């Protein structure tokens, strides 16, 4: 079933180039897109034009994860050696250098309702921080690499995508593990919490699976030809998946049916796609081809 062109929901608006290595993570505030690359730089780009800003952070190691806190003008960068660097995005100065992880930091998330921050590493540790970046708690799961932390919209729990194949749901009040579900052979790599409390998961097995709030499987289907690195909910009643197989796929949220495939024929990526970001008119993707691509919904008005 090839719906590459029959239903062009999204099309390429423009692309951004400038990095000299694969791009591992994206983040944003109201004005800029931030990108973290193997070239050891974190750069930022104007959302509407794609032009690079003067802001650029040179890291000592490759940056694997980003978190922007726009209300505080803060950017947190997680590095391959376990370091966390907190940057003031207005003054362009480092506020803190946190060295609590002993291995690469692959995931960072904020829980504003609980006034908590989370960081997770390659050894399966989750660190809980307060809003001033004081360490509150260390949660050792010994589950291998944690690639993503998905926080519930109401802040009552968060979910971890774990390399041992499980996703783990953690209570954000008492930090008890309230659910552990074996989701993907060889590792769970991506998560997306849906508005109705259901969960989408993806993994190295190239499958997407849908789970209800109790952890019971609702659907499962082969989605790509390689590891799925990201899932992103879109405001159009769709979600998008990004894969090592160089493609993006748009899916119906209601039916889990494929609606569109974005690949090289659609001026897409040439290599593995590692990161996704929601955008007002569509979404943003980035990957090993050193490019950031801004995709807009076909009916969206370009600013």
C-alpha atoms as a PDB file:
ATOM      1  CA  UNK A   1       0.000   0.000   0.000  1.00  0.00           C
ATOM      2  CA  UNK A   2       1.788   3.092  -1.261  1.00  0.00           C
ATOM      3  CA  UNK A   3       0.158   6.316  -0.234  1.00  0.00           C
ATOM      4  CA  UNK A   4       3.232   8.392  -0.898  1.00  0.00           C
ATOM      5  CA  UNK A   5       1.499  10.862  -3.197  1.00  0.00           C
ATOM      6  CA  UNK A   6      -2.185   9.935  -3.184  1.00  0.00           C
ATOM      7  CA  UNK A   7      -2.824  11.858   0.039  1.00  0.00           C
ATOM      8  CA  UNK A   8      -0.129  14.499   0.506  1.00  0.00           C
ATOM      9  CA  UNK A   9      -0.949  15.553   4.047  1.00  0.00           C
ATOM     10  CA  UNK A  10       2.495  17.031   4.653  1.00  0.00           C
ATOM     11  CA  UNK A  11       5.125  18.482   2.351  1.00  0.00           C
ATOM     12  CA  UNK A  12       8.591  19.928   2.770  1.00  0.00           C
ATOM     13  CA  UNK A  13       8.618  23.637   3.589  1.00  0.00           C
ATOM     14  CA  UNK A  14      12.369  24.184   3.889  1.00  0.00           C
ATOM     15  CA  UNK A  15      15.513  22.548   5.202  1.00  0.00           C
ATOM     16  CA  UNK A  16      18.324  23.733   7.437  1.00  0.00           C
ATOM     17  CA  UNK A  17      21.976  22.804   6.968  1.00  0.00           C
ATOM     18  CA  UNK A  18      25.044  23.801   8.916  1.00  0.00           C
ATOM     19  CA  UNK A  19      26.002  20.927  11.182  1.00  0.00           C
ATOM     20  CA  UNK A  20      29.055  18.852  10.281  1.00  0.00           C
ATOM     21  CA  UNK A  21      27.819  15.629  11.864  1.00  0.00           C
ATOM     22  CA  UNK A  22      24.648  13.609  12.507  1.00  0.00           C
ATOM     23  CA  UNK A  23      21.937  15.413  14.475  1.00  0.00           C
ATOM     24  CA  UNK A  24      20.784  13.511  17.563  1.00  0.00           C
ATOM     25  CA  UNK A  25      18.240  15.780  19.274  1.00  0.00           C
ATOM     26  CA  UNK A  26      15.940  18.755  18.713  1.00  0.00           C
ATOM     27  CA  UNK A  27      14.222  21.196  21.083  1.00  0.00           C
ATOM     28  CA  UNK A  28      12.475  24.536  20.744  1.00  0.00           C
ATOM     29  CA  UNK A  29      11.177  27.718  22.297  1.00  0.00           C
ATOM     30  CA  UNK A  30       8.776  30.218  20.754  1.00  0.00           C
ATOM     31  CA  UNK A  31      11.394  31.664  18.384  1.00  0.00           C
ATOM     32  CA  UNK A  32      14.115  29.073  17.803  1.00  0.00           C
ATOM     33  CA  UNK A  33      14.812  25.434  17.001  1.00  0.00           C
ATOM     34  CA  UNK A  34      17.782  24.005  18.922  1.00  0.00           C
ATOM     35  CA  UNK A  35      19.788  21.084  17.517  1.00  0.00           C
ATOM     36  CA  UNK A  36      22.450  18.809  19.024  1.00  0.00           C
ATOM     37  CA  UNK A  37      24.983  17.167  16.742  1.00  0.00           C
ATOM     38  CA  UNK A  38      27.891  14.717  16.700  1.00  0.00           C
ATOM     39  CA  UNK A  39      30.032  17.687  15.649  1.00  0.00           C
ATOM     40  CA  UNK A  40      29.849  18.594  19.379  1.00  0.00           C
ATOM     41  CA  UNK A  41      27.849  21.757  18.767  1.00  0.00           C
ATOM     42  CA  UNK A  42      24.400  22.785  19.934  1.00  0.00           C
ATOM     43  CA  UNK A  43      23.099  25.425  17.528  1.00  0.00           C
ATOM     44  CA  UNK A  44      19.848  27.299  17.144  1.00  0.00           C
ATOM     45  CA  UNK A  45      17.894  28.417  14.119  1.00  0.00           C
ATOM     46  CA  UNK A  46      15.054  30.864  13.500  1.00  0.00           C
ATOM     47  CA  UNK A  47      11.831  28.884  13.127  1.00  0.00           C
ATOM     48  CA  UNK A  48      10.415  30.877  10.233  1.00  0.00           C
ATOM     49  CA  UNK A  49      13.538  31.448   8.142  1.00  0.00           C
ATOM     50  CA  UNK A  50      15.870  28.627   9.141  1.00  0.00           C
ATOM     51  CA  UNK A  51      18.694  31.137   9.565  1.00  0.00           C
ATOM     52  CA  UNK A  52      21.279  30.314  12.210  1.00  0.00           C
ATOM     53  CA  UNK A  53      21.424  32.517  15.275  1.00  0.00           C
ATOM     54  CA  UNK A  54      24.690  33.670  16.875  1.00  0.00           C
ATOM     55  CA  UNK A  55      23.987  31.277  19.756  1.00  0.00           C
ATOM     56  CA  UNK A  56      26.226  28.173  19.560  1.00  0.00           C
ATOM     57  CA  UNK A  57      27.466  25.928  22.366  1.00  0.00           C
ATOM     58  CA  UNK A  58      30.681  23.984  21.854  1.00  0.00           C
ATOM     59  CA  UNK A  59      30.535  20.780  23.948  1.00  0.00           C
ATOM     60  CA  UNK A  60      33.426  18.663  25.157  1.00  0.00           C
ATOM     61  CA  UNK A  61      31.599  15.471  24.117  1.00  0.00           C
ATOM     62  CA  UNK A  62      28.799  14.656  21.694  1.00  0.00           C
ATOM     63  CA  UNK A  63      25.438  16.012  22.924  1.00  0.00           C
ATOM     64  CA  UNK A  64      22.716  13.329  22.846  1.00  0.00           C
ATOM     65  CA  UNK A  65      19.738  15.090  24.459  1.00  0.00           C
ATOM     66  CA  UNK A  66      18.209  18.545  24.880  1.00  0.00           C
ATOM     67  CA  UNK A  67      15.547  20.189  27.031  1.00  0.00           C
ATOM     68  CA  UNK A  68      14.421  23.790  26.606  1.00  0.00           C
ATOM     69  CA  UNK A  69      12.552  25.545  29.421  1.00  0.00           C
ATOM     70  CA  UNK A  70      11.319  28.721  27.707  1.00  0.00           C
ATOM     71  CA  UNK A  71       9.767  30.280  30.797  1.00  0.00           C
ATOM     72  CA  UNK A  72      13.156  30.201  32.522  1.00  0.00           C
ATOM     73  CA  UNK A  73      15.293  30.886  29.432  1.00  0.00           C
ATOM     74  CA  UNK A  74      17.133  27.649  30.125  1.00  0.00           C
ATOM     75  CA  UNK A  75      18.603  24.947  27.908  1.00  0.00           C
ATOM     76  CA  UNK A  76      19.822  21.647  29.357  1.00  0.00           C
ATOM     77  CA  UNK A  77      22.277  19.587  27.303  1.00  0.00           C
ATOM     78  CA  UNK A  78      22.994  15.911  28.022  1.00  0.00           C
ATOM     79  CA  UNK A  79      26.373  14.625  26.845  1.00  0.00           C
ATOM     80  CA  UNK A  80      27.828  11.242  25.953  1.00  0.00           C
ATOM     81  CA  UNK A  81      30.021  11.253  29.103  1.00  0.00           C
ATOM     82  CA  UNK A  82      27.053  11.776  31.450  1.00  0.00           C
ATOM     83  CA  UNK A  83      27.533  15.507  31.954  1.00  0.00           C
ATOM     84  CA  UNK A  84      24.593  17.900  32.023  1.00  0.00           C
ATOM     85  CA  UNK A  85      25.163  21.531  31.094  1.00  0.00           C
ATOM     86  CA  UNK A  86      22.569  24.177  31.975  1.00  0.00           C
ATOM     87  CA  UNK A  87      22.691  27.232  29.698  1.00  0.00           C
ATOM     88  CA  UNK A  88      20.999  30.616  29.996  1.00  0.00           C
ATOM     89  CA  UNK A  89      19.622  31.100  26.470  1.00  0.00           C
ATOM     90  CA  UNK A  90      19.375  34.892  26.771  1.00  0.00           C
ATOM     91  CA  UNK A  91      22.751  35.620  28.347  1.00  0.00           C
ATOM     92  CA  UNK A  92      24.387  32.705  26.493  1.00  0.00           C
ATOM     93  CA  UNK A  93      26.303  31.624  29.596  1.00  0.00           C
ATOM     94  CA  UNK A  94      26.560  28.337  31.478  1.00  0.00           C
ATOM     95  CA  UNK A  95      24.624  28.363  34.740  1.00  0.00           C
ATOM     96  CA  UNK A  96      25.505  24.891  36.017  1.00  0.00           C
ATOM     97  CA  UNK A  97      27.590  21.836  35.164  1.00  0.00           C
ATOM     98  CA  UNK A  98      25.925  18.765  36.672  1.00  0.00           C
ATOM     99  CA  UNK A  99      27.960  15.556  36.885  1.00  0.00           C
ATOM    100  CA  UNK A 100      25.645  12.980  38.428  1.00  0.00           C
ATOM    101  CA  UNK A 101      25.363  10.443  35.592  1.00  0.00           C
ATOM    102  CA  UNK A 102      28.216   8.051  34.863  1.00  0.00           C
ATOM    103  CA  UNK A 103      27.113   7.219  31.315  1.00  0.00           C
ATOM    104  CA  UNK A 104      25.591   8.942  28.299  1.00  0.00           C
ATOM    105  CA  UNK A 105      22.405  10.936  28.905  1.00  0.00           C
ATOM    106  CA  UNK A 106      19.908   9.928  26.216  1.00  0.00           C
ATOM    107  CA  UNK A 107      16.705  11.454  27.582  1.00  0.00           C
ATOM    108  CA  UNK A 108      15.649  14.589  29.475  1.00  0.00           C
ATOM    109  CA  UNK A 109      12.106  15.701  30.313  1.00  0.00           C
ATOM    110  CA  UNK A 110      10.219  18.229  32.418  1.00  0.00           C
ATOM    111  CA  UNK A 111       7.151  17.686  34.588  1.00  0.00           C
ATOM    112  CA  UNK A 112       5.835  21.196  35.292  1.00  0.00           C
ATOM    113  CA  UNK A 113       2.847  19.995  37.333  1.00  0.00           C
ATOM    114  CA  UNK A 114       5.140  18.313  39.866  1.00  0.00           C
ATOM    115  CA  UNK A 115       7.938  20.889  39.464  1.00  0.00           C
ATOM    116  CA  UNK A 116      10.307  18.083  38.545  1.00  0.00           C
ATOM    117  CA  UNK A 117      12.931  17.424  35.889  1.00  0.00           C
ATOM    118  CA  UNK A 118      14.119  13.991  34.781  1.00  0.00           C
ATOM    119  CA  UNK A 119      17.288  12.744  33.104  1.00  0.00           C
ATOM    120  CA  UNK A 120      18.052   9.151  32.060  1.00  0.00           C
ATOM    121  CA  UNK A 121      21.219   7.406  30.955  1.00  0.00           C
ATOM    122  CA  UNK A 122      22.717   4.430  29.143  1.00  0.00           C
ATOM    123  CA  UNK A 123      22.860   2.312  32.307  1.00  0.00           C
ATOM    124  CA  UNK A 124      19.166   2.591  33.118  1.00  0.00           C
ATOM    125  CA  UNK A 125      19.328   5.282  35.802  1.00  0.00           C
ATOM    126  CA  UNK A 126      16.726   8.042  36.099  1.00  0.00           C
ATOM    127  CA  UNK A 127      17.630  11.110  38.116  1.00  0.00           C
ATOM    128  CA  UNK A 128      14.893  13.341  39.549  1.00  0.00           C
ATOM    129  CA  UNK A 129      15.698  17.049  39.931  1.00  0.00           C
ATOM    130  CA  UNK A 130      13.817  20.023  41.320  1.00  0.00           C
ATOM    131  CA  UNK A 131      13.331  23.227  39.318  1.00  0.00           C
ATOM    132  CA  UNK A 132      16.648  24.603  40.624  1.00  0.00           C
ATOM    133  CA  UNK A 133      18.457  21.458  39.450  1.00  0.00           C
ATOM    134  CA  UNK A 134      19.049  20.078  42.904  1.00  0.00           C
ATOM    135  CA  UNK A 135      19.163  16.277  42.782  1.00  0.00           C
ATOM    136  CA  UNK A 136      16.202  14.791  44.651  1.00  0.00           C
ATOM    137  CA  UNK A 137      16.364  11.098  43.860  1.00  0.00           C
ATOM    138  CA  UNK A 138      18.172   8.424  41.846  1.00  0.00           C
ATOM    139  CA  UNK A 139      16.067   5.592  40.394  1.00  0.00           C
ATOM    140  CA  UNK A 140      18.250   2.675  39.233  1.00  0.00           C
ATOM    141  CA  UNK A 141      16.277   0.420  36.893  1.00  0.00           C
ATOM    142  CA  UNK A 142      19.212  -1.593  35.497  1.00  0.00           C
ATOM    143  CA  UNK A 143      17.323  -1.872  32.224  1.00  0.00           C
ATOM    144  CA  UNK A 144      20.026  -0.717  29.844  1.00  0.00           C
ATOM    145  CA  UNK A 145      19.758   2.446  27.788  1.00  0.00           C
ATOM    146  CA  UNK A 146      16.677   4.613  28.413  1.00  0.00           C
ATOM    147  CA  UNK A 147      16.004   6.422  25.145  1.00  0.00           C
ATOM    148  CA  UNK A 148      12.928   8.421  26.069  1.00  0.00           C
ATOM    149  CA  UNK A 149      10.951   9.782  29.011  1.00  0.00           C
ATOM    150  CA  UNK A 150       7.301  10.556  28.200  1.00  0.00           C
ATOM    151  CA  UNK A 151       5.489  12.621  30.831  1.00  0.00           C
ATOM    152  CA  UNK A 152       1.709  12.341  31.249  1.00  0.00           C
ATOM    153  CA  UNK A 153      -0.175  15.564  30.434  1.00  0.00           C
ATOM    154  CA  UNK A 154      -1.499  15.771  34.002  1.00  0.00           C
ATOM    155  CA  UNK A 155       1.961  15.104  35.463  1.00  0.00           C
ATOM    156  CA  UNK A 156       0.890  12.135  37.588  1.00  0.00           C
ATOM    157  CA  UNK A 157       3.254   9.640  35.936  1.00  0.00           C
ATOM    158  CA  UNK A 158       6.013   9.266  33.368  1.00  0.00           C
ATOM    159  CA  UNK A 159       6.947   6.382  31.083  1.00  0.00           C
ATOM    160  CA  UNK A 160      10.422   5.094  30.183  1.00  0.00           C
ATOM    161  CA  UNK A 161      11.467   3.457  26.898  1.00  0.00           C
ATOM    162  CA  UNK A 162      13.990   0.834  27.996  1.00  0.00           C
ATOM    163  CA  UNK A 163      16.628  -1.182  26.141  1.00  0.00           C
ATOM    164  CA  UNK A 164      15.541  -4.443  27.796  1.00  0.00           C
ATOM    165  CA  UNK A 165      12.332  -4.279  25.727  1.00  0.00           C
ATOM    166  CA  UNK A 166      10.028  -3.017  28.480  1.00  0.00           C
ATOM    167  CA  UNK A 167       8.300   0.254  28.956  1.00  0.00           C
ATOM    168  CA  UNK A 168       7.973   1.255  32.584  1.00  0.00           C
ATOM    169  CA  UNK A 169       5.319   3.562  34.006  1.00  0.00           C
ATOM    170  CA  UNK A 170       6.486   5.451  37.091  1.00  0.00           C
ATOM    171  CA  UNK A 171       4.275   7.275  39.583  1.00  0.00           C
ATOM    172  CA  UNK A 172       5.514  10.887  39.789  1.00  0.00           C
ATOM    173  CA  UNK A 173       4.380  11.337  43.407  1.00  0.00           C
ATOM    174  CA  UNK A 174       5.982   8.410  45.245  1.00  0.00           C
ATOM    175  CA  UNK A 175       8.128   7.101  42.331  1.00  0.00           C
ATOM    176  CA  UNK A 176       6.780   3.579  42.481  1.00  0.00           C
ATOM    177  CA  UNK A 177       6.904   1.483  39.325  1.00  0.00           C
ATOM    178  CA  UNK A 178       3.192   1.068  38.616  1.00  0.00           C
ATOM    179  CA  UNK A 179       3.467  -0.759  35.305  1.00  0.00           C
ATOM    180  CA  UNK A 180       6.084  -2.830  33.496  1.00  0.00           C
ATOM    181  CA  UNK A 181       5.159  -4.112  30.037  1.00  0.00           C
ATOM    182  CA  UNK A 182       7.342  -6.121  27.669  1.00  0.00           C
ATOM    183  CA  UNK A 183       6.755  -4.199  24.454  1.00  0.00           C
ATOM    184  CA  UNK A 184       9.551  -4.823  21.922  1.00  0.00           C
ATOM    185  CA  UNK A 185      12.158  -7.441  21.195  1.00  0.00           C
ATOM    186  CA  UNK A 186      15.702  -6.021  21.296  1.00  0.00           C
ATOM    187  CA  UNK A 187      14.533  -2.811  22.936  1.00  0.00           C
ATOM    188  CA  UNK A 188      11.841  -0.174  23.303  1.00  0.00           C
ATOM    189  CA  UNK A 189      13.055   3.052  21.712  1.00  0.00           C
ATOM    190  CA  UNK A 190      10.135   5.503  21.442  1.00  0.00           C
ATOM    191  CA  UNK A 191       6.898   6.405  23.249  1.00  0.00           C
ATOM    192  CA  UNK A 192       3.912   8.665  22.738  1.00  0.00           C
ATOM    193  CA  UNK A 193       1.177   9.206  25.349  1.00  0.00           C
ATOM    194  CA  UNK A 194      -2.196   9.803  23.693  1.00  0.00           C
ATOM    195  CA  UNK A 195      -4.906  12.178  24.985  1.00  0.00           C
ATOM    196  CA  UNK A 196      -7.160   9.251  25.980  1.00  0.00           C
ATOM    197  CA  UNK A 197      -4.434   7.722  28.163  1.00  0.00           C
ATOM    198  CA  UNK A 198      -3.417   5.084  25.642  1.00  0.00           C
ATOM    199  CA  UNK A 199       0.250   4.673  24.779  1.00  0.00           C
ATOM    200  CA  UNK A 200       2.072   4.140  21.502  1.00  0.00           C
ATOM    201  CA  UNK A 201       5.431   2.395  21.697  1.00  0.00           C
ATOM    202  CA  UNK A 202       8.045   1.597  19.065  1.00  0.00           C
ATOM    203  CA  UNK A 203      11.252  -0.355  19.052  1.00  0.00           C
ATOM    204  CA  UNK A 204      14.218  -1.951  17.395  1.00  0.00           C
ATOM    205  CA  UNK A 205      11.846  -4.588  15.997  1.00  0.00           C
ATOM    206  CA  UNK A 206      10.419  -1.814  13.742  1.00  0.00           C
ATOM    207  CA  UNK A 207       6.920  -2.380  15.177  1.00  0.00           C
ATOM    208  CA  UNK A 208       4.495   0.160  16.578  1.00  0.00           C
ATOM    209  CA  UNK A 209       2.239  -1.122  19.351  1.00  0.00           C
ATOM    210  CA  UNK A 210      -0.743   0.541  20.983  1.00  0.00           C
ATOM    211  CA  UNK A 211      -1.518  -0.093  24.663  1.00  0.00           C
ATOM    212  CA  UNK A 212      -4.460   0.885  26.835  1.00  0.00           C
ATOM    213  CA  UNK A 213      -3.955   2.553  30.212  1.00  0.00           C
ATOM    214  CA  UNK A 214      -3.846  -0.845  31.934  1.00  0.00           C
ATOM    215  CA  UNK A 215      -0.969  -2.010  29.710  1.00  0.00           C
ATOM    216  CA  UNK A 216      -3.025  -4.346  27.527  1.00  0.00           C
ATOM    217  CA  UNK A 217      -2.083  -4.467  23.848  1.00  0.00           C
ATOM    218  CA  UNK A 218      -4.693  -2.963  21.534  1.00  0.00           C
ATOM    219  CA  UNK A 219      -2.829  -3.166  18.221  1.00  0.00           C
ATOM    220  CA  UNK A 220       0.554  -4.087  16.753  1.00  0.00           C
ATOM    221  CA  UNK A 221       1.909  -3.708  13.246  1.00  0.00           C
ATOM    222  CA  UNK A 222       5.232  -3.640  11.358  1.00  0.00           C
ATOM    223  CA  UNK A 223       5.770   0.036  10.603  1.00  0.00           C
ATOM    224  CA  UNK A 224       9.308   0.374   9.216  1.00  0.00           C
ATOM    225  CA  UNK A 225      12.306  -1.576   7.951  1.00  0.00           C
ATOM    226  CA  UNK A 226      14.570  -0.532  10.811  1.00  0.00           C
ATOM    227  CA  UNK A 227      14.608   0.817  14.363  1.00  0.00           C
ATOM    228  CA  UNK A 228      11.981   3.482  15.064  1.00  0.00           C
ATOM    229  CA  UNK A 229      13.642   6.326  16.951  1.00  0.00           C
ATOM    230  CA  UNK A 230      10.749   8.733  17.491  1.00  0.00           C
ATOM    231  CA  UNK A 231       6.951   8.952  17.642  1.00  0.00           C
ATOM    232  CA  UNK A 232       5.179  12.301  17.617  1.00  0.00           C
ATOM    233  CA  UNK A 233       1.509  13.172  18.003  1.00  0.00           C
ATOM    234  CA  UNK A 234       0.253  15.747  15.486  1.00  0.00           C
ATOM    235  CA  UNK A 235      -2.741  18.100  15.943  1.00  0.00           C
ATOM    236  CA  UNK A 236      -4.349  16.871  12.704  1.00  0.00           C
ATOM    237  CA  UNK A 237      -5.531  13.506  14.052  1.00  0.00           C
ATOM    238  CA  UNK A 238      -2.318  11.805  12.962  1.00  0.00           C
ATOM    239  CA  UNK A 239       1.014  10.756  14.399  1.00  0.00           C
ATOM    240  CA  UNK A 240       4.407  10.476  12.743  1.00  0.00           C
ATOM    241  CA  UNK A 241       7.156   7.862  13.116  1.00  0.00           C
ATOM    242  CA  UNK A 242      10.846   8.367  12.301  1.00  0.00           C
ATOM    243  CA  UNK A 243      13.133   5.462  11.522  1.00  0.00           C
ATOM    244  CA  UNK A 244      16.607   4.279  10.811  1.00  0.00           C
ATOM    245  CA  UNK A 245      15.246   3.187   7.415  1.00  0.00           C
ATOM    246  CA  UNK A 246      15.448   6.866   6.299  1.00  0.00           C
ATOM    247  CA  UNK A 247      11.671   7.370   6.151  1.00  0.00           C
ATOM    248  CA  UNK A 248       8.995   9.272   8.010  1.00  0.00           C
ATOM    249  CA  UNK A 249       5.478   7.850   8.055  1.00  0.00           C
ATOM    250  CA  UNK A 250       2.218   9.610   8.869  1.00  0.00           C
ATOM    251  CA  UNK A 251      -0.429   7.418  10.543  1.00  0.00           C
ATOM    252  CA  UNK A 252      -4.103   7.867  11.321  1.00  0.00           C
ATOM    253  CA  UNK A 253      -4.544   8.204  15.069  1.00  0.00           C
ATOM    254  CA  UNK A 254      -8.013   6.658  14.832  1.00  0.00           C
ATOM    255  CA  UNK A 255      -7.149   3.576  12.741  1.00  0.00           C
ATOM    256  CA  UNK A 256      -3.334   3.173  12.823  1.00  0.00           C
ATOM    257  CA  UNK A 257      -3.447   3.058   9.017  1.00  0.00           C
ATOM    258  CA  UNK A 258      -0.629   4.663   7.035  1.00  0.00           C
ATOM    259  CA  UNK A 259      -1.623   7.920   5.365  1.00  0.00           C
ATOM    260  CA  UNK A 260       1.653   9.153   3.909  1.00  0.00           C
ATOM    261  CA  UNK A 261       5.293   8.187   3.532  1.00  0.00           C
ATOM    262  CA  UNK A 262       7.949  10.892   3.419  1.00  0.00           C
ATOM    263  CA  UNK A 263      11.183   9.645   1.890  1.00  0.00           C
ATOM    264  CA  UNK A 264      13.903  10.783  -0.499  1.00  0.00           C
ATOM    265  CA  UNK A 265      11.365  10.960  -3.342  1.00  0.00           C
ATOM    266  CA  UNK A 266       9.530  13.569  -1.267  1.00  0.00           C
ATOM    267  CA  UNK A 267      12.798  15.500  -0.740  1.00  0.00           C
ATOM    268  CA  UNK A 268      13.220  13.815   2.627  1.00  0.00           C
ATOM    269  CA  UNK A 269      16.194  12.406   4.483  1.00  0.00           C
ATOM    270  CA  UNK A 270      19.081  10.383   3.068  1.00  0.00           C
ATOM    271  CA  UNK A 271      20.033   8.572   6.275  1.00  0.00           C
ATOM    272  CA  UNK A 272      18.653   7.548   9.671  1.00  0.00           C
ATOM    273  CA  UNK A 273      16.104   9.966  11.172  1.00  0.00           C
ATOM    274  CA  UNK A 274      16.761  10.484  14.862  1.00  0.00           C
ATOM    275  CA  UNK A 275      14.614  13.367  16.119  1.00  0.00           C
ATOM    276  CA  UNK A 276      11.144  14.902  15.730  1.00  0.00           C
ATOM    277  CA  UNK A 277       9.652  18.142  16.987  1.00  0.00           C
ATOM    278  CA  UNK A 278       6.099  19.472  16.832  1.00  0.00           C
ATOM    279  CA  UNK A 279       5.681  22.786  15.027  1.00  0.00           C
ATOM    280  CA  UNK A 280       2.692  25.122  14.675  1.00  0.00           C
ATOM    281  CA  UNK A 281       2.101  24.281  11.024  1.00  0.00           C
ATOM    282  CA  UNK A 282       3.494  20.741  11.045  1.00  0.00           C
ATOM    283  CA  UNK A 283       6.642  19.152  12.409  1.00  0.00           C
ATOM    284  CA  UNK A 284      10.447  19.122  12.193  1.00  0.00           C
ATOM    285  CA  UNK A 285      12.768  16.160  11.599  1.00  0.00           C
ATOM    286  CA  UNK A 286      16.540  15.689  11.765  1.00  0.00           C
ATOM    287  CA  UNK A 287      19.001  12.847  11.367  1.00  0.00           C
ATOM    288  CA  UNK A 288      22.306  11.397  10.288  1.00  0.00           C
ATOM    289  CA  UNK A 289      22.320  13.337   6.991  1.00  0.00           C
ATOM    290  CA  UNK A 290      23.125  16.492   9.038  1.00  0.00           C
ATOM    291  CA  UNK A 291      19.896  18.155   7.886  1.00  0.00           C
ATOM    292  CA  UNK A 292      16.887  19.591   9.665  1.00  0.00           C
ATOM    293  CA  UNK A 293      13.698  19.513   7.584  1.00  0.00           C
ATOM    294  CA  UNK A 294      10.581  21.552   8.358  1.00  0.00           C
ATOM    295  CA  UNK A 295       7.384  19.866   7.141  1.00  0.00           C
ATOM    296  CA  UNK A 296       4.093  21.737   6.904  1.00  0.00           C
ATOM    297  CA  UNK A 297       0.573  20.407   6.649  1.00  0.00           C
ATOM    298  CA  UNK A 298      -0.685  20.899   3.103  1.00  0.00           C
ATOM    299  CA  UNK A 299      -3.481  23.199   4.279  1.00  0.00           C
ATOM    300  CA  UNK A 300      -1.244  25.183   6.621  1.00  0.00           C
ATOM    301  CA  UNK A 301      -0.501  28.822   5.951  1.00  0.00           C
ATOM    302  CA  UNK A 302       3.205  29.530   5.731  1.00  0.00           C
ATOM    303  CA  UNK A 303       4.198  32.429   8.020  1.00  0.00           C
END
